[in-house]
Structure formats: structure tokens, C-alpha cells
Amino acid sequence: MNTVKNFKMVWALALAIILAPAVAARTETVSLSFGAKTWISSGSSDWSEGGVGGVPNVLSELKWVDVDSVVVELTAEAVYSRFILRIGGGVGDIGGGTFEDKDYAGDDRTQLFSDSLSTADEDGLLFVNGDVGYRLLGGQKGEGFLDLLFGSQYWKESYIATKGVQVTPATGAFADQGKGITEDFKWTSIRLGARGEIPLLQDLSFRGGVFFIPWSKFTLVDIHHLRTDLKQDPSFKASASGGFGFQIDAALTFDLGRYLLEGLSVEAGYQYWYLDSGDGDITSRSITAGDIKLPFNGATTTRHGATVGISYRFRL
């Protein structure tokens, strides 16, 4: 997967960025931490468009449901005089799930005239985060902390639909059982939020964070491989700006310093991400009629699931 190579490059850059302030700061203590986390996640994405002039208000609606991914996430962080620099990202394959494509002749999803189901085949996802922040409270060993953070994120999910079956009208399996549809959902977002840690028992703490997404730039690239009336480079392309979303994570962490290595800890928790693009424009790329601009009603992407991780923190 090309995303793996890209992620390695991002990780190398993260190390360089994180270590730079430590080298420069000879008279101040710099806290560095590195972490690895596995996110056993399930996701969904959808989008819809209107007809010419907005009639009907929902012409086509496409949904990817229960698309699973085991994501490997790496992070690096530096805290210097309460100022925080954090960078990281994750990659994962996508497998399993269902793709549904519905078309309507009437407003408000009425007069359904086409409905097809496909298998969501393997592809992948990639995300990269970068945040700066300030530690408002705590930070010393055993006392917990509270941080405010501001940053950005790039998040891409890619899907492939195969083994399509036409449900309405009921004509059965498609003749060509190769790729039916491929789509890329790309999000570039601004995010702001807070995270903190609360000691519970000796060596055991609760850690959580909440990010609000006040703005994002969304793009969709779609290829309908079996549609001979549509171009293949791509068949549809959409964009929207604005929207909103949120990202929540919570975990129990256990400090292994007294048992194995000072600064080493493990965690188990849950993570939930949601983004909504808001409306925009979509271009249908017909071979005979050329490019046709239609109203884009918006897209959403959700991913959630259990997490397990390990981290190591030390001071220079």
C-alpha cells in the first residue's frame, strides 16, 4: 500500500520536528513521548446529490456501511515550558461491509427506481494529525494534567465495490463482477479541543480527549466502472467547505514504571470520529453531454472502535 510508505515519511518528519526543540533547549526540561496504538474500528460513509435544479432534492444516495479497519497509529509529542507540539497519524486496510446505491425520481427519497447492493472490498485509509497546545494544569508525575489543543487533520478513506446485485428492478447480479465503483473520501480539517488525565488508583489513570471540528474541506472522487455513459477519470467529483464534526477518545492507562521501565505505560479505550461536509457542488461527467454540475447534499464519514496502545515518556 502506498499509504504505508507515505506514513513512514510522516513518522520520520515527526521525529525531526519533535527532537528539534529538545536540542535547542539546553536550560529547560523537555518532556518527550512516543506512542503506538491499534484501533479496531468500524466505519461508514455516505453522500447524496440532487437532480438538475434540485429536482428531485435527492436523486442518488450512496452508502458504505460497516467497513472495518484495523488501524495502526503512531504519535510523537514534546512538552516544553507548558507548550505542546504533537504530530502523528495512522494507516489501515479496509475490508468487509456493504455498499448501497439508490436512485429516486421523487423528492424526499420517494419513487425509488434503482437500488443495488455490493460488497465493500479491500482498500485503505490514512490520516495525519498536527497539533499545538498549552498545558493549563498539572503535568508532574502522578498528578494528572489538562491541555488545550489546536491543529489540523488530513483523513482519507478509499473504498472498492464488487459483486454487485441489482435489487430494484430485480435483475440479479451484474454481468461484470470486477470493480463496480471506487470512491475516495478526503477530509482536510481544522480542529480544537482539550484532553486530560485523572489519576484513579496507584498506577491507574483515566485519560480522555474531545476535539471539535468547526471547518473542513471535503472532496469526493468517484468512478463508476460499469457505466459506459460516464467518463472514468473520474465519473463524479464533488467538493464542499464548512461542515462540522467531532472526535472523542477515552482510555484507562496503566503505568509500568514500577514494574518494567520508568515512563512506560499501556492503555485500553475507545475512539469515535464523525465528520459532516455540509452542502456543495458535484460534477457528473457524461461522455455524450459533457460535465453537468448538480447540487451536492453533503457527505458524512464515521469511524469508531476499541483501542489498545503503549507509550514511552522521558525527559531531556
Protein backbone atom coordinates (compact mmCIF):
# COMPACT_ATOMS: atom_id res chain seq x y z
CA MET A 1 0.00 0.00 0.00
CA ASN A 2 1.35 3.42 -0.96
CA THR A 3 -0.18 4.84 2.21
CA VAL A 4 2.28 2.81 4.29
CA LYS A 5 5.23 4.43 2.52
CA ASN A 6 3.69 7.88 2.99
CA PHE A 7 3.10 7.20 6.67
CA LYS A 8 6.73 6.19 7.21
CA MET A 9 7.80 9.52 5.70
CA VAL A 10 5.40 11.38 8.00
CA TRP A 11 6.77 9.50 11.02
CA ALA A 12 10.37 10.38 10.11
CA LEU A 13 9.36 14.04 9.79
CA ALA A 14 7.60 13.83 13.15
CA LEU A 15 10.78 12.65 14.85
CA ALA A 16 12.77 15.52 13.36
CA ILE A 17 10.19 18.12 14.41
CA ILE A 18 9.79 16.76 17.91
CA LEU A 19 13.51 16.44 18.65
CA ALA A 20 14.45 19.90 17.32
CA PRO A 21 13.23 21.89 20.36
CA ALA A 22 14.90 19.44 22.70
CA VAL A 23 18.28 20.06 21.14
CA ALA A 24 17.83 23.82 21.24
CA ALA A 25 16.51 23.95 24.81
CA ARG A 26 19.63 23.39 26.90
CA THR A 27 18.38 25.09 30.09
CA GLU A 28 14.77 23.84 30.17
CA THR A 29 13.40 20.35 30.70
CA VAL A 30 11.73 18.90 27.64
CA SER A 31 9.31 16.01 28.02
CA LEU A 32 9.20 13.71 25.00
CA SER A 33 6.78 10.86 24.43
CA PHE A 34 6.26 8.34 21.67
CA GLY A 35 3.24 6.09 21.34
CA ALA A 36 1.79 3.30 19.23
CA LYS A 37 -1.88 2.39 19.19
CA THR A 38 -4.09 -0.13 17.43
CA TRP A 39 -7.63 0.99 16.61
CA ILE A 40 -10.00 -1.93 15.91
CA SER A 41 -12.58 0.15 14.09
CA SER A 42 -15.77 0.01 12.09
CA GLY A 43 -16.80 2.86 9.80
CA SER A 44 -19.39 4.20 7.39
CA SER A 45 -19.51 6.90 4.73
CA ASP A 46 -22.32 8.28 2.59
CA TRP A 47 -23.16 11.07 0.18
CA SER A 48 -26.10 12.23 -1.92
CA GLU A 49 -26.82 14.56 -4.81
CA GLY A 50 -29.87 16.37 -6.14
CA GLY A 51 -31.17 16.48 -9.68
CA VAL A 52 -30.85 19.31 -12.18
CA GLY A 53 -32.14 22.44 -10.50
CA GLY A 54 -32.57 20.49 -7.27
CA VAL A 55 -35.40 18.32 -8.64
CA PRO A 56 -35.67 15.82 -7.08
CA ASN A 57 -33.92 17.01 -3.93
CA VAL A 58 -32.30 13.58 -3.55
CA LEU A 59 -31.56 11.97 -6.92
CA SER A 60 -28.89 9.49 -5.85
CA GLU A 61 -27.75 8.31 -2.43
CA LEU A 62 -24.68 6.11 -1.93
CA LYS A 63 -23.71 4.47 1.38
CA TRP A 64 -20.75 2.43 2.61
CA VAL A 65 -21.79 0.59 5.77
CA ASP A 66 -19.81 -1.45 8.34
CA VAL A 67 -16.46 -1.03 6.58
CA ASP A 68 -13.94 -2.39 9.08
CA SER A 69 -10.29 -1.45 9.53
CA VAL A 70 -7.53 -2.32 11.98
CA VAL A 71 -5.62 0.96 12.14
CA VAL A 72 -2.04 1.32 13.36
CA GLU A 73 -1.43 4.80 14.78
CA LEU A 74 1.90 6.37 15.81
CA THR A 75 2.32 9.65 17.72
CA ALA A 76 5.20 11.83 18.90
CA GLU A 77 4.91 14.69 21.37
CA ALA A 78 7.09 17.33 23.03
CA VAL A 79 6.16 19.47 26.05
CA TYR A 80 8.46 22.42 26.73
CA SER A 81 7.63 25.06 29.36
CA ARG A 82 3.94 24.01 29.14
CA PHE A 83 3.86 24.44 25.35
CA ILE A 84 2.92 21.32 23.39
CA LEU A 85 3.79 20.08 19.91
CA ARG A 86 2.15 16.85 18.80
CA ILE A 87 2.17 15.02 15.47
CA GLY A 88 1.04 11.59 14.39
CA GLY A 89 -1.05 9.55 12.04
CA GLY A 90 -2.39 6.14 11.16
CA VAL A 91 -2.89 3.69 8.32
CA GLY A 92 -5.12 0.68 7.86
CA ASP A 93 -6.65 -1.64 5.29
CA ILE A 94 -10.42 -1.61 4.76
CA GLY A 95 -12.30 -4.88 4.39
CA GLY A 96 -15.83 -6.12 4.82
CA GLY A 97 -19.02 -4.12 4.74
CA THR A 98 -21.74 -3.30 2.24
CA PHE A 99 -22.23 -0.66 -0.44
CA GLU A 100 -25.72 0.51 -1.42
CA ASP A 101 -26.61 2.79 -4.35
CA LYS A 102 -30.17 4.15 -4.58
CA ASP A 103 -31.77 6.45 -7.18
CA TYR A 104 -35.08 8.31 -6.79
CA ALA A 105 -37.48 10.11 -9.14
CA GLY A 106 -39.42 11.96 -6.41
CA ASP A 107 -38.49 14.39 -3.66
CA ASP A 108 -37.58 13.22 -0.16
CA ARG A 109 -36.43 9.76 -1.27
CA THR A 110 -39.67 8.72 -2.96
CA GLN A 111 -40.30 6.86 -6.24
CA LEU A 112 -37.27 4.59 -5.92
CA PHE A 113 -36.39 3.32 -9.39
CA SER A 114 -32.93 1.79 -8.83
CA ASP A 115 -31.37 0.01 -5.86
CA SER A 116 -28.17 -2.04 -5.95
CA LEU A 117 -26.10 -3.78 -3.27
CA SER A 118 -22.41 -4.63 -3.47
CA THR A 119 -19.65 -6.00 -1.28
CA ALA A 120 -17.21 -3.42 0.08
CA ASP A 121 -13.88 -4.95 -0.94
CA GLU A 122 -10.42 -4.19 0.42
CA ASP A 123 -8.79 -0.79 0.17
CA GLY A 124 -7.46 1.53 2.86
CA LEU A 125 -7.41 4.66 4.98
CA LEU A 126 -4.81 7.20 6.03
CA PHE A 127 -4.83 10.12 8.46
CA VAL A 128 -2.23 12.62 9.64
CA ASN A 129 -2.63 14.99 12.61
CA GLY A 130 -0.66 18.02 13.75
CA ASP A 131 -1.47 19.99 16.91
CA VAL A 132 -0.02 22.70 19.12
CA GLY A 133 -1.27 23.47 22.61
CA TYR A 134 -0.77 24.66 26.15
CA ARG A 135 -0.80 22.71 29.42
CA LEU A 136 -3.17 24.54 31.75
CA LEU A 137 -2.87 22.27 34.75
CA GLY A 138 -0.60 19.59 36.15
CA GLY A 139 1.94 17.61 34.26
CA GLN A 140 4.06 16.33 37.12
CA LYS A 141 4.24 12.60 37.65
CA GLY A 142 1.14 11.22 39.33
CA GLU A 143 -0.92 14.43 39.38
CA GLY A 144 -2.70 14.32 36.01
CA PHE A 145 -2.99 17.22 33.54
CA LEU A 146 -5.30 19.35 31.39
CA ASP A 147 -4.30 20.58 27.91
CA LEU A 148 -5.86 22.87 25.31
CA LEU A 149 -5.00 21.97 21.70
CA PHE A 150 -5.39 23.46 18.24
CA GLY A 151 -4.42 21.81 14.97
CA SER A 152 -5.40 20.22 11.68
CA GLN A 153 -6.00 16.80 10.22
CA TYR A 154 -5.95 15.10 6.82
CA TRP A 155 -8.15 11.99 6.65
CA LYS A 156 -8.70 9.81 3.57
CA GLU A 157 -10.82 6.68 3.19
CA SER A 158 -10.82 4.67 -0.07
CA TYR A 159 -13.43 2.06 -0.99
CA ILE A 160 -14.00 -0.54 -3.71
CA ALA A 161 -17.42 -2.07 -4.50
CA THR A 162 -17.55 -5.55 -6.09
CA LYS A 163 -20.05 -8.41 -6.53
CA GLY A 164 -22.92 -6.07 -7.30
CA VAL A 165 -26.55 -7.16 -7.38
CA GLN A 166 -29.42 -5.10 -8.83
CA VAL A 167 -32.27 -5.27 -6.29
CA THR A 168 -34.65 -2.76 -7.92
CA PRO A 169 -35.51 -3.57 -10.64
CA ALA A 170 -34.70 -7.16 -9.64
CA THR A 171 -32.31 -8.20 -12.41
CA GLY A 172 -29.82 -10.03 -10.17
CA ALA A 173 -26.02 -9.96 -10.32
CA PHE A 174 -24.22 -7.59 -12.67
CA ALA A 175 -22.67 -9.21 -15.73
CA ASP A 176 -19.16 -7.90 -14.97
CA GLN A 177 -18.18 -8.89 -11.42
CA GLY A 178 -14.95 -6.92 -11.30
CA LYS A 179 -14.76 -3.44 -9.75
CA GLY A 180 -18.13 -1.79 -9.82
CA ILE A 181 -17.42 1.51 -8.07
CA THR A 182 -14.37 3.03 -6.40
CA GLU A 183 -14.52 6.14 -4.22
CA ASP A 184 -12.12 8.34 -2.26
CA PHE A 185 -13.41 10.45 0.64
CA LYS A 186 -10.84 13.14 1.55
CA TRP A 187 -11.14 15.48 4.54
CA THR A 188 -8.83 18.36 5.49
CA SER A 189 -9.99 19.78 8.81
CA ILE A 190 -9.26 22.34 11.48
CA ARG A 191 -9.76 21.00 14.99
CA LEU A 192 -9.66 22.40 18.51
CA GLY A 193 -10.25 20.77 21.83
CA ALA A 194 -8.99 19.60 25.18
CA ARG A 195 -7.57 16.47 26.72
CA GLY A 196 -6.69 15.46 30.23
CA GLU A 197 -5.69 12.74 32.63
CA ILE A 198 -7.13 11.97 36.08
CA PRO A 199 -5.34 9.59 38.50
CA LEU A 200 -7.69 6.90 39.83
CA LEU A 201 -5.59 4.38 41.75
CA GLN A 202 -1.90 3.75 42.12
CA ASP A 203 -0.50 3.46 38.58
CA LEU A 204 -4.03 3.60 37.06
CA SER A 205 -5.47 6.72 35.40
CA PHE A 206 -8.31 7.82 33.16
CA ARG A 207 -7.29 9.73 30.04
CA GLY A 208 -9.62 11.36 27.55
CA GLY A 209 -9.88 14.00 24.87
CA VAL A 210 -12.53 15.86 22.86
CA PHE A 211 -11.92 17.70 19.58
CA PHE A 212 -14.49 19.88 17.81
CA ILE A 213 -14.21 20.27 14.02
CA PRO A 214 -15.54 23.76 13.14
CA TRP A 215 -14.45 23.66 9.47
CA SER A 216 -13.33 21.13 6.89
CA LYS A 217 -12.64 20.90 3.18
CA PHE A 218 -14.17 17.77 1.64
CA THR A 219 -13.54 16.22 -1.78
CA LEU A 220 -15.04 13.11 -3.34
CA VAL A 221 -13.66 11.23 -6.33
CA ASP A 222 -15.93 8.52 -7.77
CA ILE A 223 -15.51 6.07 -10.67
CA HIS A 224 -18.50 4.02 -11.88
CA HIS A 225 -16.53 1.33 -13.74
CA LEU A 226 -19.57 -0.37 -15.30
CA ARG A 227 -21.28 2.81 -16.53
CA THR A 228 -20.38 3.16 -20.22
CA ASP A 229 -22.20 6.53 -20.37
CA LEU A 230 -19.82 8.10 -17.82
CA LYS A 231 -16.17 9.07 -18.03
CA GLN A 232 -13.72 7.04 -15.97
CA ASP A 233 -11.27 9.76 -14.91
CA PRO A 234 -13.37 10.15 -12.72
CA SER A 235 -17.13 9.69 -13.23
CA PHE A 236 -18.13 12.09 -10.45
CA LYS A 237 -16.20 14.67 -8.44
CA ALA A 238 -17.59 16.72 -5.57
CA SER A 239 -16.40 19.32 -3.10
CA ALA A 240 -17.78 21.12 -0.06
CA SER A 241 -16.38 23.53 2.52
CA GLY A 242 -17.59 24.21 6.03
CA GLY A 243 -19.42 21.41 7.77
CA PHE A 244 -18.65 20.26 11.28
CA GLY A 245 -17.62 17.21 13.28
CA PHE A 246 -16.12 15.89 16.48
CA GLN A 247 -13.58 13.34 17.71
CA ILE A 248 -13.71 11.69 21.13
CA ASP A 249 -11.35 9.25 22.78
CA ALA A 250 -11.22 7.79 26.29
CA ALA A 251 -8.91 5.20 27.85
CA LEU A 252 -7.67 3.66 31.06
CA THR A 253 -3.88 3.87 31.31
CA PHE A 254 -1.60 1.79 33.49
CA ASP A 255 1.90 2.99 34.43
CA LEU A 256 4.51 0.22 34.19
CA GLY A 257 7.30 2.31 35.72
CA ARG A 258 7.44 0.34 38.97
CA TYR A 259 7.45 -3.00 37.18
CA LEU A 260 9.36 -2.70 33.90
CA LEU A 261 10.65 0.71 32.79
CA GLU A 262 10.18 4.25 34.07
CA GLY A 263 7.95 6.22 31.69
CA LEU A 264 6.40 3.16 30.05
CA SER A 265 2.61 2.79 30.10
CA VAL A 266 -0.16 0.82 28.39
CA GLU A 267 -3.75 1.78 27.67
CA ALA A 268 -7.10 0.39 26.56
CA GLY A 269 -10.02 2.53 25.46
CA TYR A 270 -12.48 3.64 22.79
CA GLN A 271 -12.36 6.23 19.98
CA TYR A 272 -15.17 7.83 17.95
CA TRP A 273 -14.79 10.19 14.94
CA TYR A 274 -17.52 11.90 12.92
CA LEU A 275 -17.41 14.45 10.09
CA ASP A 276 -20.17 16.13 8.06
CA SER A 277 -19.21 18.11 4.95
CA GLY A 278 -22.24 20.35 4.53
CA ASP A 279 -23.52 21.01 1.01
CA GLY A 280 -21.56 21.93 -2.12
CA ASP A 281 -21.33 21.02 -5.81
CA ILE A 282 -20.90 17.73 -7.66
CA THR A 283 -19.99 17.26 -11.31
CA SER A 284 -21.39 14.34 -13.27
CA ARG A 285 -19.02 13.59 -16.17
CA SER A 286 -21.11 12.30 -19.06
CA ILE A 287 -19.40 11.11 -22.25
CA THR A 288 -22.13 12.48 -24.53
CA ALA A 289 -23.38 15.55 -22.61
CA GLY A 290 -20.09 16.62 -21.02
CA ASP A 291 -19.71 17.78 -17.43
CA ILE A 292 -23.00 18.52 -15.64
CA LYS A 293 -22.95 20.38 -12.33
CA LEU A 294 -25.51 19.25 -9.76
CA PRO A 295 -26.28 20.19 -6.13
CA PHE A 296 -24.28 18.14 -3.64
CA ASN A 297 -26.32 17.50 -0.49
CA GLY A 298 -23.28 16.55 1.56
CA ALA A 299 -21.25 13.63 2.85
CA THR A 300 -20.50 12.07 6.22
CA THR A 301 -17.81 9.73 7.50
CA THR A 302 -17.87 7.94 10.84
CA ARG A 303 -15.29 5.63 12.41
CA HIS A 304 -15.32 4.14 15.90
CA GLY A 305 -13.99 1.23 17.90
CA ALA A 306 -11.79 -0.10 20.69
CA THR A 307 -8.14 0.92 21.08
CA VAL A 308 -5.10 -0.62 22.75
CA GLY A 309 -1.72 1.11 22.94
CA ILE A 310 1.66 1.58 24.53
CA SER A 311 3.67 4.76 25.12
CA TYR A 312 7.04 5.80 26.47
CA ARG A 313 7.75 9.19 28.06
CA PHE A 314 11.12 10.61 29.13
CA ARG A 315 12.78 13.95 29.85
CA LEU A 316 15.85 15.63 28.40
